[in-house]
Amino acid sequence: MKAAIYEDIEKIALKDVETDALPPGYVIVDTKCSGICGSDRHNYYGEWNQSHTRAQGHEVCGVISEVGEDVDGFTVGDKVSMDCL
């Protein structure tokens, strides 16, 4: 999948990243829109010591594309929004 990865101060790159197998209790969301919050800004300008492999944009909305075992109440195609921490 693609992710916006923090590479260095004021440098973010769109990269293909490997994903693990979907564990029970989780879903995969195809992100349609991602907000930029204060923590993203601090990382971008180098104000916080952050990993160079961290994906930016954790406040997202999108569509569920895959549902793991033991997930109730969600199906493929559902529109969702979340704040992933």
Protein backbone atom coordinates (compact mmCIF):
# COMPACT_ATOMS: atom_id res chain seq x y z
CA MET A 1 0.00 0.00 0.00
CA LYS A 2 1.09 3.62 -0.37
CA ALA A 3 2.01 5.79 2.62
CA ALA A 4 3.34 9.31 3.15
CA ILE A 5 6.60 8.60 4.99
CA TYR A 6 8.56 11.19 6.96
CA GLU A 7 12.12 11.03 5.56
CA ASP A 8 13.79 14.10 7.03
CA ILE A 9 13.02 17.64 8.16
CA GLU A 10 10.54 19.13 5.68
CA LYS A 11 10.73 16.02 3.50
CA ILE A 12 7.86 13.54 3.07
CA ALA A 13 7.80 10.92 0.31
CA LEU A 14 4.95 8.80 -1.02
CA LYS A 15 6.20 5.19 -0.85
CA ASP A 16 4.96 1.66 -1.33
CA VAL A 17 5.11 -0.14 2.02
CA GLU A 18 4.73 -3.79 2.96
CA THR A 19 1.85 -4.72 5.23
CA ASP A 20 1.51 -7.64 7.62
CA ALA A 21 -1.28 -10.19 7.36
CA LEU A 22 -4.55 -8.81 8.71
CA PRO A 23 -4.91 -10.01 12.32
CA PRO A 24 -8.25 -11.01 13.86
CA GLY A 25 -10.26 -8.04 15.09
CA TYR A 26 -8.89 -5.56 12.54
CA VAL A 27 -10.00 -4.03 9.23
CA ILE A 28 -8.12 -2.41 6.35
CA VAL A 29 -9.33 1.03 5.30
CA ASP A 30 -8.56 2.53 1.90
CA THR A 31 -7.88 6.14 2.90
CA LYS A 32 -9.75 8.73 0.86
CA CYS A 33 -8.74 11.80 2.88
CA SER A 34 -6.30 12.49 5.69
CA GLY A 35 -6.11 15.52 7.94
CA ILE A 36 -2.89 17.17 9.04
CA CYS A 37 -2.76 17.77 12.77
CA GLY A 38 -0.33 19.40 15.16
CA SER A 39 1.79 16.28 15.63
CA ASP A 40 2.27 15.99 11.85
CA ARG A 41 3.39 19.63 11.76
CA HIS A 42 5.89 19.13 14.62
CA ASN A 43 7.35 16.09 12.84
CA TYR A 44 7.58 17.87 9.48
CA TYR A 45 9.53 20.83 10.89
CA GLY A 46 11.83 18.63 13.00
CA GLU A 47 10.52 19.92 16.32
CA TRP A 48 10.10 16.34 17.61
CA ASN A 49 12.60 13.50 17.29
CA GLN A 50 10.62 11.12 15.08
CA SER A 51 11.33 7.85 13.32
CA HIS A 52 12.12 8.14 9.61
CA THR A 53 9.72 5.28 8.91
CA ARG A 54 6.61 6.81 10.49
CA ALA A 55 3.64 7.32 8.19
CA GLN A 56 2.09 10.77 8.41
CA GLY A 57 -1.63 11.52 8.62
CA HIS A 58 -3.44 9.58 11.33
CA GLU A 59 -6.82 11.34 11.18
CA VAL A 60 -8.46 9.69 8.18
CA CYS A 61 -11.69 8.83 6.45
CA GLY A 62 -12.07 6.08 3.91
CA VAL A 63 -13.76 2.86 2.87
CA ILE A 64 -13.25 -0.57 4.44
CA SER A 65 -11.59 -2.85 1.88
CA GLU A 66 -10.93 -5.92 4.03
CA VAL A 67 -12.42 -7.28 7.26
CA GLY A 68 -10.49 -9.63 9.55
CA GLU A 69 -11.90 -12.52 11.54
CA ASP A 70 -13.80 -11.69 14.73
CA VAL A 71 -14.98 -8.28 13.46
CA ASP A 72 -18.64 -7.51 14.06
CA GLY A 73 -20.56 -4.49 12.81
CA PHE A 74 -18.34 -3.61 9.84
CA THR A 75 -18.37 -4.87 6.25
CA VAL A 76 -16.40 -4.23 3.08
CA GLY A 77 -17.63 -0.98 1.53
CA ASP A 78 -18.53 0.74 4.81
CA LYS A 79 -17.46 4.40 4.97
CA VAL A 80 -15.56 5.18 8.18
CA SER A 81 -13.58 7.91 9.90
CA MET A 82 -11.03 7.48 12.68
CA ASP A 83 -8.18 8.91 14.68
CA CYS A 84 -5.46 6.23 14.73
CA LEU A 85 -2.99 6.44 17.56
